[in-house]
Amino acid sequence: MRSKIRLHLQRMVANLFEGSFSSYMNSTRGVELDELRQYQPGDEFRSIDWKATTRTGALHVRLKLVDKRTNIFFLIDRSGSTKFGSARFTKEKIQSSIISTLVQSATETGNLVSFISFTDNVEKYIPPHAGQKEGVRLAGNMMSDKVNGRRTNINCAFKFLNSMRFTPSLVFVLSDFFAPFDYESSLKSLVRKHDVIPIIISDIREESLPTARGFVAVKDLETQGVKYLDLSQDLIVNLQHINLFNKLNLGYLTLKTDQNEEQWVSSLSDFFDKRIRRRSRIKR
């Protein structure tokens, strides 16, 4: 499963150097075998796969992913609401698990990883680093560091990255997106420069409550305020961020706190699978 994620990341990295996010590049010279295809005029003679040629009776060449490296950014929501989890895990636990998986996969093929944590301000920025051990260490430190803020300001994180001059990069945004909806403009700017993948961390109790009569007191982990919810009424779910992602044609992934690590990784792999297939169809 994790090897598939690594391969998917390689493919997305290749997209960036093609000038388009709608496909991935293949070449007869690269770092890892992607697929075999029949020989075409112009292919290099040394790329011929003689085993496949002998087996099929037709000339076949080895296609490899282009040997390119890029920055992979992780924008990490560290606000108070990430401490919440009504099921097996907290949102923060999901973030740590997914970031660890992605960092290991990204750095294994030589890509650089960078981290930006935010609450109502940018809490910490770690510039691009190479190396798997170093990447994993930095990711762990980022998730364990104390933060000053409790509330969420996604706009400040988007603006912060927009202000930097980086070549096209992959940008993962990990958040529950419980924040003021003031980031449409900054996200549009970010999408024009980079390949952005929102990962929504969600809890079932933010969508529905147990059916009953009466009221329940809940504490907002960001404002520290207490509210009373009527259990006989449906919760109002804010879908502004989902509508924006759809408007910008951004594929997004939702992970839930009642799942386990194996399910999170499986969902991530499936998401990449669908993303690659969809963009391959767009190219054709």
Protein backbone atom coordinates (compact mmCIF):
# COMPACT_ATOMS: atom_id res chain seq x y z
CA MET A 1 0.00 0.00 0.00
CA ARG A 2 2.74 2.46 0.96
CA SER A 3 4.77 1.60 -2.14
CA LYS A 4 1.72 2.53 -4.25
CA ILE A 5 1.54 5.90 -2.50
CA ARG A 6 5.23 6.47 -3.25
CA LEU A 7 4.67 5.70 -6.94
CA HIS A 8 1.62 7.99 -7.07
CA LEU A 9 3.66 10.83 -5.56
CA GLN A 10 6.34 10.29 -8.20
CA ARG A 11 3.74 10.58 -10.91
CA MET A 12 2.33 13.80 -9.49
CA VAL A 13 5.81 15.26 -9.17
CA ALA A 14 6.38 14.50 -12.86
CA ASN A 15 3.21 16.46 -13.68
CA LEU A 16 4.74 19.64 -12.35
CA PHE A 17 7.63 19.55 -14.77
CA GLU A 18 5.34 19.02 -17.73
CA GLY A 19 3.67 22.36 -17.17
CA SER A 20 0.29 20.73 -16.64
CA PHE A 21 -1.37 18.81 -13.83
CA SER A 22 -3.50 16.73 -16.22
CA SER A 23 -1.05 13.88 -16.81
CA TYR A 24 2.29 12.41 -15.85
CA MET A 25 5.42 12.03 -17.92
CA ASN A 26 7.00 8.82 -19.08
CA SER A 27 10.48 8.50 -20.49
CA THR A 28 12.85 5.74 -21.48
CA ARG A 29 15.29 7.29 -19.02
CA GLY A 30 14.20 7.68 -15.43
CA VAL A 31 14.50 6.35 -11.91
CA GLU A 32 11.78 3.72 -11.62
CA LEU A 33 9.99 1.34 -13.97
CA ASP A 34 6.43 2.44 -14.67
CA GLU A 35 5.24 0.28 -17.57
CA LEU A 36 6.17 -1.53 -20.79
CA ARG A 37 4.89 -0.61 -24.23
CA GLN A 38 5.63 -1.59 -27.80
CA TYR A 39 8.57 0.05 -29.52
CA GLN A 40 7.81 3.27 -31.41
CA PRO A 41 10.02 5.08 -33.96
CA GLY A 42 12.37 7.39 -32.09
CA ASP A 43 12.67 5.25 -28.97
CA GLU A 44 16.22 4.61 -27.82
CA PHE A 45 17.63 1.22 -28.77
CA ARG A 46 19.08 0.70 -25.30
CA SER A 47 15.61 1.03 -23.77
CA ILE A 48 14.39 -2.19 -25.41
CA ASP A 49 13.27 -4.81 -22.88
CA TRP A 50 14.56 -8.02 -24.43
CA LYS A 51 12.75 -10.33 -22.03
CA ALA A 52 9.37 -8.81 -22.92
CA THR A 53 10.35 -8.77 -26.60
CA THR A 54 11.23 -12.47 -26.53
CA ARG A 55 8.09 -13.37 -24.61
CA THR A 56 5.68 -11.43 -26.87
CA GLY A 57 7.48 -11.60 -30.19
CA ALA A 58 7.27 -7.81 -30.59
CA LEU A 59 9.76 -5.12 -29.61
CA HIS A 60 8.95 -3.56 -26.23
CA VAL A 61 10.64 -0.67 -24.42
CA ARG A 62 10.91 0.16 -20.73
CA LEU A 63 9.14 3.34 -19.71
CA LYS A 64 10.31 5.00 -16.53
CA LEU A 65 9.17 7.95 -14.49
CA VAL A 66 11.21 11.03 -15.30
CA ASP A 67 13.96 11.71 -12.79
CA LYS A 68 12.64 14.97 -11.36
CA ARG A 69 12.54 16.31 -7.85
CA THR A 70 10.30 18.93 -6.32
CA ASN A 71 9.17 20.49 -3.07
CA ILE A 72 6.26 18.92 -1.22
CA PHE A 73 4.64 21.27 1.28
CA PHE A 74 2.52 20.29 4.25
CA LEU A 75 0.19 23.01 5.57
CA ILE A 76 -0.88 21.72 8.99
CA ASP A 77 -3.79 23.04 11.03
CA ARG A 78 -2.72 23.00 14.72
CA SER A 79 -5.75 24.87 16.08
CA GLY A 80 -7.74 23.75 19.11
CA SER A 81 -10.34 21.81 17.13
CA THR A 82 -7.71 19.28 15.99
CA LYS A 83 -7.64 17.97 19.58
CA PHE A 84 -11.21 16.74 19.15
CA GLY A 85 -12.20 13.16 18.49
CA SER A 86 -15.43 11.49 19.58
CA ALA A 87 -14.42 8.05 18.32
CA ARG A 88 -11.17 6.10 18.37
CA PHE A 89 -8.74 8.88 17.52
CA THR A 90 -8.36 12.64 17.51
CA LYS A 91 -7.99 14.67 14.32
CA GLU A 92 -4.42 15.39 15.40
CA LYS A 93 -3.65 11.65 15.40
CA ILE A 94 -4.88 11.36 11.81
CA GLN A 95 -2.70 14.29 10.78
CA SER A 96 0.40 12.73 12.34
CA SER A 97 -0.23 9.36 10.72
CA ILE A 98 -0.91 10.71 7.23
CA ILE A 99 1.97 13.19 7.30
CA SER A 100 4.36 10.43 8.38
CA THR A 101 3.21 8.19 5.52
CA LEU A 102 3.47 10.94 2.92
CA VAL A 103 6.85 12.20 4.16
CA GLN A 104 8.37 8.71 4.05
CA SER A 105 7.01 8.15 0.54
CA ALA A 106 8.11 11.55 -0.74
CA THR A 107 11.63 11.57 0.67
CA GLU A 108 12.35 7.99 -0.37
CA THR A 109 12.54 9.18 -3.99
CA GLY A 110 14.60 12.27 -3.20
CA ASN A 111 11.92 14.95 -3.03
CA LEU A 112 12.19 17.81 -0.57
CA VAL A 113 9.61 18.28 2.19
CA SER A 114 8.64 21.50 3.91
CA PHE A 115 6.20 22.25 6.72
CA ILE A 116 3.99 25.20 7.64
CA SER A 117 1.92 24.92 10.82
CA PHE A 118 -0.79 27.44 11.56
CA THR A 119 -3.52 28.39 14.01
CA ASP A 120 -4.83 31.94 13.78
CA ASN A 121 -1.29 32.82 12.65
CA VAL A 122 1.56 30.97 11.02
CA GLU A 123 3.11 29.15 13.96
CA LYS A 124 6.20 27.66 12.34
CA TYR A 125 7.85 27.30 8.96
CA ILE A 126 10.44 24.65 8.13
CA PRO A 127 12.11 25.20 4.73
CA PRO A 128 12.58 22.33 2.26
CA HIS A 129 14.73 19.43 3.51
CA ALA A 130 15.86 16.21 1.89
CA GLY A 131 16.37 12.79 3.45
CA GLN A 132 13.85 10.33 4.86
CA LYS A 133 15.10 10.27 8.46
CA GLU A 134 15.38 14.04 8.58
CA GLY A 135 11.94 14.49 7.05
CA VAL A 136 10.29 12.13 9.51
CA ARG A 137 12.09 13.80 12.43
CA LEU A 138 11.01 17.27 11.34
CA ALA A 139 7.43 16.12 10.86
CA GLY A 140 7.36 14.63 14.36
CA ASN A 141 8.78 17.81 15.86
CA MET A 142 6.25 19.93 13.99
CA MET A 143 3.34 17.91 15.39
CA SER A 144 4.68 17.89 18.96
CA ASP A 145 5.70 21.55 19.18
CA LYS A 146 3.54 23.77 21.36
CA VAL A 147 1.52 26.43 19.56
CA ASN A 148 0.46 29.87 20.70
CA GLY A 149 -2.95 30.13 19.07
CA ARG A 150 -6.18 28.18 19.39
CA ARG A 151 -8.33 29.50 16.55
CA THR A 152 -8.01 28.82 12.83
CA ASN A 153 -6.93 31.20 10.07
CA ILE A 154 -6.37 29.20 6.88
CA ASN A 155 -6.05 32.41 4.87
CA CYS A 156 -2.82 33.36 6.64
CA ALA A 157 -1.21 30.02 5.73
CA PHE A 158 -2.22 30.34 2.06
CA LYS A 159 -0.94 33.92 1.90
CA PHE A 160 2.31 32.91 3.57
CA LEU A 161 3.03 30.24 0.95
CA ASN A 162 1.88 32.53 -1.86
CA SER A 163 4.47 35.08 -0.78
CA MET A 164 7.31 32.62 -1.39
CA ARG A 165 8.95 32.10 -4.75
CA PHE A 166 8.99 28.38 -5.34
CA THR A 167 8.77 26.39 -8.54
CA PRO A 168 5.50 24.41 -8.97
CA SER A 169 5.13 22.13 -5.97
CA LEU A 170 2.76 19.68 -4.36
CA VAL A 171 0.85 21.22 -1.45
CA PHE A 172 -1.08 19.11 1.06
CA VAL A 173 -3.47 21.07 3.30
CA LEU A 174 -4.51 19.12 6.41
CA SER A 175 -7.36 20.73 8.33
CA ASP A 176 -10.97 20.28 9.45
CA PHE A 177 -11.62 23.60 7.65
CA PHE A 178 -13.54 25.00 10.60
CA ALA A 179 -12.40 28.53 9.91
CA PRO A 180 -13.61 31.90 8.65
CA PHE A 181 -14.38 31.53 4.96
CA ASP A 182 -12.07 34.31 3.81
CA TYR A 183 -9.50 32.32 1.85
CA GLU A 184 -11.12 31.94 -1.57
CA SER A 185 -8.85 34.50 -3.22
CA SER A 186 -5.63 33.20 -1.63
CA LEU A 187 -6.52 29.59 -2.47
CA LYS A 188 -7.17 30.54 -6.10
CA SER A 189 -3.73 32.15 -6.23
CA LEU A 190 -2.16 29.07 -4.67
CA VAL A 191 -3.85 26.74 -7.16
CA ARG A 192 -2.51 28.77 -10.07
CA LYS A 193 1.05 28.16 -8.84
CA HIS A 194 0.93 24.71 -7.30
CA ASP A 195 -0.87 21.38 -7.24
CA VAL A 196 -3.02 21.63 -4.09
CA ILE A 197 -4.60 18.65 -2.33
CA PRO A 198 -6.92 19.39 0.62
CA ILE A 199 -7.21 16.61 3.20
CA ILE A 200 -10.27 17.18 5.38
CA ILE A 201 -10.10 15.69 8.88
CA SER A 202 -13.64 15.06 10.09
CA ASP A 203 -15.57 13.66 13.06
CA ILE A 204 -19.06 12.15 12.86
CA ARG A 205 -20.29 14.31 15.76
CA GLU A 206 -19.65 17.42 13.68
CA GLU A 207 -22.21 16.14 11.18
CA SER A 208 -24.86 14.49 13.33
CA LEU A 209 -25.81 13.95 16.97
CA PRO A 210 -27.50 10.94 18.62
CA THR A 211 -31.28 11.23 18.30
CA ALA A 212 -32.77 12.08 21.67
CA ARG A 213 -34.82 14.65 23.55
CA GLY A 214 -33.05 17.30 25.50
CA PHE A 215 -29.97 19.45 25.27
CA VAL A 216 -26.26 18.77 25.53
CA ALA A 217 -23.57 21.24 26.58
CA VAL A 218 -20.55 21.39 24.26
CA LYS A 219 -17.33 23.34 24.61
CA ASP A 220 -15.68 25.00 21.64
CA LEU A 221 -12.02 23.98 21.79
CA GLU A 222 -10.97 27.14 19.97
CA THR A 223 -13.03 29.87 21.62
CA GLN A 224 -13.47 27.98 24.92
CA GLY A 225 -17.12 29.03 24.84
CA VAL A 226 -19.95 26.70 25.92
CA LYS A 227 -23.06 26.16 23.81
CA TYR A 228 -26.20 24.07 24.26
CA LEU A 229 -27.34 21.93 21.37
CA ASP A 230 -30.88 20.64 20.91
CA LEU A 231 -30.58 16.89 20.30
CA SER A 232 -33.92 16.84 18.50
CA GLN A 233 -32.61 19.19 15.78
CA ASP A 234 -30.25 18.35 12.94
CA LEU A 235 -26.85 20.02 12.94
CA ILE A 236 -26.18 22.65 10.29
CA VAL A 237 -23.14 21.46 8.33
CA ASN A 238 -20.99 24.12 6.67
CA LEU A 239 -20.12 23.08 3.12
CA GLN A 240 -18.54 26.32 1.90
CA HIS A 241 -15.08 24.80 1.64
CA ILE A 242 -16.42 21.77 -0.28
CA ASN A 243 -18.22 24.04 -2.72
CA LEU A 244 -15.02 26.02 -3.25
CA PHE A 245 -12.96 22.89 -3.90
CA ASN A 246 -15.50 21.76 -6.48
CA LYS A 247 -15.53 25.21 -8.05
CA LEU A 248 -11.74 25.11 -8.42
CA ASN A 249 -11.85 21.48 -9.60
CA LEU A 250 -9.73 20.43 -6.65
CA GLY A 251 -9.81 16.78 -5.73
CA TYR A 252 -10.03 16.43 -1.95
CA LEU A 253 -9.89 13.58 0.54
CA THR A 254 -11.93 13.22 3.73
CA LEU A 255 -10.63 11.12 6.62
CA LYS A 256 -12.62 10.36 9.77
CA THR A 257 -11.72 9.79 13.40
CA ASP A 258 -13.72 6.55 13.62
CA GLN A 259 -11.38 4.90 11.11
CA ASN A 260 -8.02 3.31 11.87
CA GLU A 261 -4.58 3.90 10.38
CA GLU A 262 -4.95 1.10 7.84
CA GLN A 263 -8.18 2.66 6.58
CA TRP A 264 -6.60 6.12 6.36
CA VAL A 265 -3.69 4.81 4.29
CA SER A 266 -6.06 2.77 2.10
CA SER A 267 -8.25 5.84 1.51
CA LEU A 268 -5.16 7.85 0.59
CA SER A 269 -4.00 5.22 -1.90
CA ASP A 270 -7.49 4.95 -3.45
CA PHE A 271 -7.68 8.73 -3.74
CA PHE A 272 -4.38 8.84 -5.64
CA ASP A 273 -5.51 5.96 -7.86
CA LYS A 274 -8.67 7.80 -8.89
CA ARG A 275 -6.78 11.05 -9.34
CA ILE A 276 -4.24 9.51 -11.70
CA ARG A 277 -6.93 7.74 -13.73
CA ARG A 278 -9.06 10.87 -14.00
CA ARG A 279 -6.18 13.00 -15.22
CA SER A 280 -5.04 10.34 -17.66
CA ARG A 281 -8.53 10.42 -19.19
CA ILE A 282 -8.37 14.22 -19.43
CA LYS A 283 -5.09 13.99 -21.35
CA ARG A 284 -6.54 11.55 -23.88
